[in-house]
N, C-alpha and C. Protein backbone atom coordinates (compact mmCIF):
# COMPACT_ATOMS: atom_id res chain seq x y z
N MET A 1 0.85 -1.17 0.00
CA MET A 1 0.00 0.00 0.00
C MET A 1 0.89 1.24 0.00
N ASN A 2 0.61 2.15 -0.89
CA ASN A 2 1.32 3.43 -0.92
C ASN A 2 0.61 4.39 0.01
N TYR A 3 1.36 5.02 0.89
CA TYR A 3 0.78 5.93 1.87
C TYR A 3 1.74 7.07 2.12
N THR A 4 1.22 8.15 2.70
CA THR A 4 2.06 9.26 3.13
C THR A 4 1.88 9.43 4.63
N LEU A 5 2.76 10.18 5.22
CA LEU A 5 2.73 10.42 6.66
C LEU A 5 2.30 11.85 6.93
N SER A 6 1.35 12.01 7.85
CA SER A 6 0.93 13.35 8.26
C SER A 6 2.05 14.01 9.06
N LYS A 7 1.95 15.30 9.23
CA LYS A 7 2.93 16.04 10.06
C LYS A 7 2.95 15.47 11.46
N HIS A 8 1.77 15.18 12.01
CA HIS A 8 1.70 14.60 13.35
C HIS A 8 2.42 13.26 13.39
N ALA A 9 2.18 12.40 12.40
CA ALA A 9 2.84 11.10 12.36
C ALA A 9 4.35 11.26 12.29
N LEU A 10 4.83 12.16 11.48
CA LEU A 10 6.27 12.41 11.40
C LEU A 10 6.85 12.85 12.74
N ASP A 11 6.12 13.72 13.44
CA ASP A 11 6.57 14.19 14.75
C ASP A 11 6.65 13.06 15.76
N VAL A 12 5.59 12.23 15.83
CA VAL A 12 5.60 11.16 16.84
C VAL A 12 6.60 10.07 16.50
N ILE A 13 6.84 9.83 15.22
CA ILE A 13 7.86 8.85 14.83
C ILE A 13 9.21 9.28 15.36
N GLU A 14 9.52 10.55 15.17
CA GLU A 14 10.80 11.07 15.65
C GLU A 14 10.87 11.07 17.17
N ASN A 15 9.82 11.54 17.82
CA ASN A 15 9.83 11.65 19.29
C ASN A 15 9.82 10.30 19.99
N ARG A 16 9.19 9.30 19.38
CA ARG A 16 9.03 7.99 20.04
C ARG A 16 10.02 6.95 19.53
N GLY A 17 10.89 7.33 18.62
CA GLY A 17 11.90 6.40 18.12
C GLY A 17 11.32 5.24 17.33
N ILE A 18 10.31 5.51 16.54
CA ILE A 18 9.65 4.49 15.73
C ILE A 18 10.28 4.52 14.33
N PHE A 19 10.63 3.34 13.83
CA PHE A 19 11.27 3.24 12.52
C PHE A 19 10.24 3.10 11.41
N LEU A 20 10.54 3.71 10.27
CA LEU A 20 9.65 3.62 9.11
C LEU A 20 9.43 2.17 8.68
N GLU A 21 10.45 1.33 8.85
CA GLU A 21 10.33 -0.09 8.49
C GLU A 21 9.25 -0.77 9.33
N TRP A 22 9.13 -0.37 10.59
CA TRP A 22 8.12 -0.96 11.47
C TRP A 22 6.72 -0.57 11.00
N ILE A 23 6.57 0.66 10.55
CA ILE A 23 5.28 1.12 10.05
C ILE A 23 4.91 0.34 8.80
N ALA A 24 5.84 0.23 7.87
CA ALA A 24 5.59 -0.51 6.63
C ALA A 24 5.23 -1.96 6.93
N TYR A 25 5.96 -2.58 7.86
CA TYR A 25 5.67 -3.97 8.23
C TYR A 25 4.26 -4.10 8.80
N THR A 26 3.90 -3.19 9.68
CA THR A 26 2.59 -3.24 10.32
C THR A 26 1.47 -3.07 9.30
N ILE A 27 1.64 -2.18 8.35
CA ILE A 27 0.61 -1.97 7.33
C ILE A 27 0.52 -3.18 6.39
N ASN A 28 1.65 -3.74 6.03
CA ASN A 28 1.66 -4.83 5.05
C ASN A 28 1.45 -6.22 5.66
N HIS A 29 1.72 -6.37 6.96
CA HIS A 29 1.59 -7.67 7.63
C HIS A 29 0.94 -7.52 9.01
N PRO A 30 -0.23 -6.93 9.08
CA PRO A 30 -0.83 -6.72 10.41
C PRO A 30 -1.27 -8.05 11.04
N THR A 31 -1.11 -8.12 12.36
CA THR A 31 -1.67 -9.27 13.07
C THR A 31 -3.14 -9.02 13.37
N ARG A 32 -3.51 -7.75 13.28
CA ARG A 32 -4.91 -7.37 13.48
C ARG A 32 -5.17 -6.08 12.70
N LYS A 33 -6.38 -5.97 12.13
CA LYS A 33 -6.79 -4.74 11.44
C LYS A 33 -8.23 -4.47 11.83
N ASP A 34 -8.46 -3.28 12.36
CA ASP A 34 -9.81 -2.87 12.73
C ASP A 34 -10.25 -1.74 11.81
N ASP A 35 -11.34 -1.98 11.08
CA ASP A 35 -11.92 -0.93 10.25
C ASP A 35 -12.90 -0.15 11.13
N ILE A 36 -12.47 0.99 11.61
CA ILE A 36 -13.25 1.79 12.55
C ILE A 36 -14.43 2.45 11.84
N SER A 37 -14.21 2.86 10.61
CA SER A 37 -15.25 3.47 9.78
C SER A 37 -14.82 3.28 8.33
N PRO A 38 -15.64 3.70 7.37
CA PRO A 38 -15.20 3.62 5.98
C PRO A 38 -13.95 4.46 5.70
N ILE A 39 -13.66 5.38 6.59
CA ILE A 39 -12.52 6.28 6.41
C ILE A 39 -11.29 5.84 7.19
N GLU A 40 -11.47 5.32 8.39
CA GLU A 40 -10.34 5.07 9.29
C GLU A 40 -10.15 3.59 9.60
N SER A 41 -8.88 3.14 9.49
CA SER A 41 -8.52 1.78 9.86
C SER A 41 -7.32 1.81 10.80
N HIS A 42 -7.30 0.83 11.73
CA HIS A 42 -6.19 0.68 12.66
C HIS A 42 -5.49 -0.63 12.35
N PHE A 43 -4.18 -0.56 12.18
CA PHE A 43 -3.35 -1.73 11.91
C PHE A 43 -2.48 -1.99 13.12
N PHE A 44 -2.34 -3.27 13.51
CA PHE A 44 -1.54 -3.65 14.67
C PHE A 44 -0.54 -4.73 14.29
N SER A 45 0.64 -4.66 14.87
CA SER A 45 1.63 -5.72 14.69
C SER A 45 2.60 -5.70 15.85
N THR A 46 3.06 -6.89 16.24
CA THR A 46 4.07 -7.01 17.28
C THR A 46 5.43 -6.70 16.67
N ILE A 47 6.17 -5.83 17.32
CA ILE A 47 7.51 -5.45 16.86
C ILE A 47 8.52 -6.15 17.76
N THR A 48 9.09 -7.23 17.25
CA THR A 48 10.02 -8.03 18.07
C THR A 48 11.29 -7.25 18.40
N GLN A 49 11.69 -6.33 17.52
CA GLN A 49 12.89 -5.54 17.76
C GLN A 49 12.71 -4.50 18.87
N ASN A 50 11.48 -4.33 19.35
CA ASN A 50 11.22 -3.37 20.41
C ASN A 50 10.48 -4.07 21.55
N ASP A 51 11.08 -5.13 22.08
CA ASP A 51 10.57 -5.83 23.26
C ASP A 51 9.15 -6.37 23.06
N ASN A 52 8.85 -6.82 21.83
CA ASN A 52 7.54 -7.38 21.50
C ASN A 52 6.37 -6.44 21.79
N ARG A 53 6.62 -5.16 21.66
CA ARG A 53 5.54 -4.18 21.87
C ARG A 53 4.65 -4.14 20.64
N CYS A 54 3.40 -3.74 20.86
CA CYS A 54 2.39 -3.72 19.81
C CYS A 54 2.31 -2.33 19.18
N LEU A 55 2.67 -2.25 17.91
CA LEU A 55 2.61 -0.97 17.19
C LEU A 55 1.23 -0.80 16.58
N LYS A 56 0.66 0.37 16.77
CA LYS A 56 -0.64 0.72 16.18
C LYS A 56 -0.42 1.83 15.17
N VAL A 57 -0.92 1.60 13.96
CA VAL A 57 -0.83 2.59 12.89
C VAL A 57 -2.25 2.93 12.48
N VAL A 58 -2.60 4.21 12.57
CA VAL A 58 -3.95 4.68 12.21
C VAL A 58 -3.86 5.38 10.86
N ILE A 59 -4.70 4.90 9.92
CA ILE A 59 -4.64 5.40 8.55
C ILE A 59 -6.00 5.90 8.09
N ASN A 60 -5.99 7.05 7.41
CA ASN A 60 -7.17 7.52 6.70
C ASN A 60 -7.17 6.75 5.38
N MET A 61 -8.14 5.87 5.19
CA MET A 61 -8.16 4.99 4.03
C MET A 61 -8.60 5.68 2.74
N ILE A 62 -9.18 6.85 2.85
CA ILE A 62 -9.57 7.61 1.65
C ILE A 62 -8.34 8.28 1.04
N THR A 63 -7.56 8.95 1.88
CA THR A 63 -6.39 9.68 1.39
C THR A 63 -5.09 8.88 1.51
N LEU A 64 -5.15 7.72 2.20
CA LEU A 64 -3.97 6.88 2.48
C LEU A 64 -2.88 7.68 3.20
N VAL A 65 -3.33 8.40 4.22
CA VAL A 65 -2.41 9.17 5.06
C VAL A 65 -2.36 8.51 6.44
N VAL A 66 -1.14 8.26 6.92
CA VAL A 66 -0.96 7.76 8.28
C VAL A 66 -1.21 8.94 9.21
N ILE A 67 -2.23 8.79 10.06
CA ILE A 67 -2.62 9.86 10.96
C ILE A 67 -1.73 9.90 12.19
N THR A 68 -1.53 8.73 12.80
CA THR A 68 -0.68 8.62 13.98
C THR A 68 -0.13 7.22 14.10
N VAL A 69 0.91 7.09 14.92
CA VAL A 69 1.58 5.82 15.16
C VAL A 69 2.01 5.81 16.62
N TYR A 70 1.75 4.70 17.30
CA TYR A 70 2.23 4.60 18.68
C TYR A 70 2.20 3.16 19.15
N PHE A 71 2.94 2.88 20.23
CA PHE A 71 2.91 1.57 20.85
C PHE A 71 1.73 1.53 21.81
N ASP A 72 0.82 0.61 21.54
CA ASP A 72 -0.44 0.51 22.28
C ASP A 72 -0.26 -0.44 23.46
N ARG A 73 -0.17 0.12 24.65
CA ARG A 73 0.05 -0.69 25.86
C ARG A 73 -1.08 -1.67 26.12
N GLY A 74 -2.30 -1.25 25.87
CA GLY A 74 -3.46 -2.12 26.09
C GLY A 74 -3.44 -3.35 25.19
N MET A 75 -2.99 -3.18 23.97
CA MET A 75 -2.94 -4.30 23.03
C MET A 75 -1.80 -5.25 23.35
N ARG A 76 -0.75 -4.76 23.96
CA ARG A 76 0.38 -5.63 24.30
C ARG A 76 -0.06 -6.72 25.27
N LYS A 77 -0.91 -6.36 26.20
CA LYS A 77 -1.40 -7.33 27.18
C LYS A 77 -2.23 -8.41 26.52
N ARG A 78 -2.84 -8.09 25.39
CA ARG A 78 -3.65 -9.06 24.66
C ARG A 78 -2.87 -9.72 23.52
N GLY A 79 -1.59 -9.49 23.48
CA GLY A 79 -0.76 -10.12 22.46
C GLY A 79 -0.90 -9.52 21.09
N CYS A 80 -1.40 -8.32 21.00
CA CYS A 80 -1.52 -7.61 19.73
C CYS A 80 -2.45 -8.35 18.77
N LYS A 81 -3.41 -9.06 19.31
CA LYS A 81 -4.33 -9.83 18.46
C LYS A 81 -5.74 -9.36 18.66
């Protein structure tokens, strides 16, 4: 999937030490995907390189813009599934 990153996503990637490769992996190989609405989807994947934490990538599916990215503590407890 071709996507762009919002200004907010770029800021949080830098501030939280999230790698672009992790985002691409999560979008292309999610362990879970929640379609919140026709516009917004949430992609989840376990990042083994970061202590098996669960990365959440929120995308506007109309514009294919990554809105935000963060490690979801609540999903880690559930195994990112």
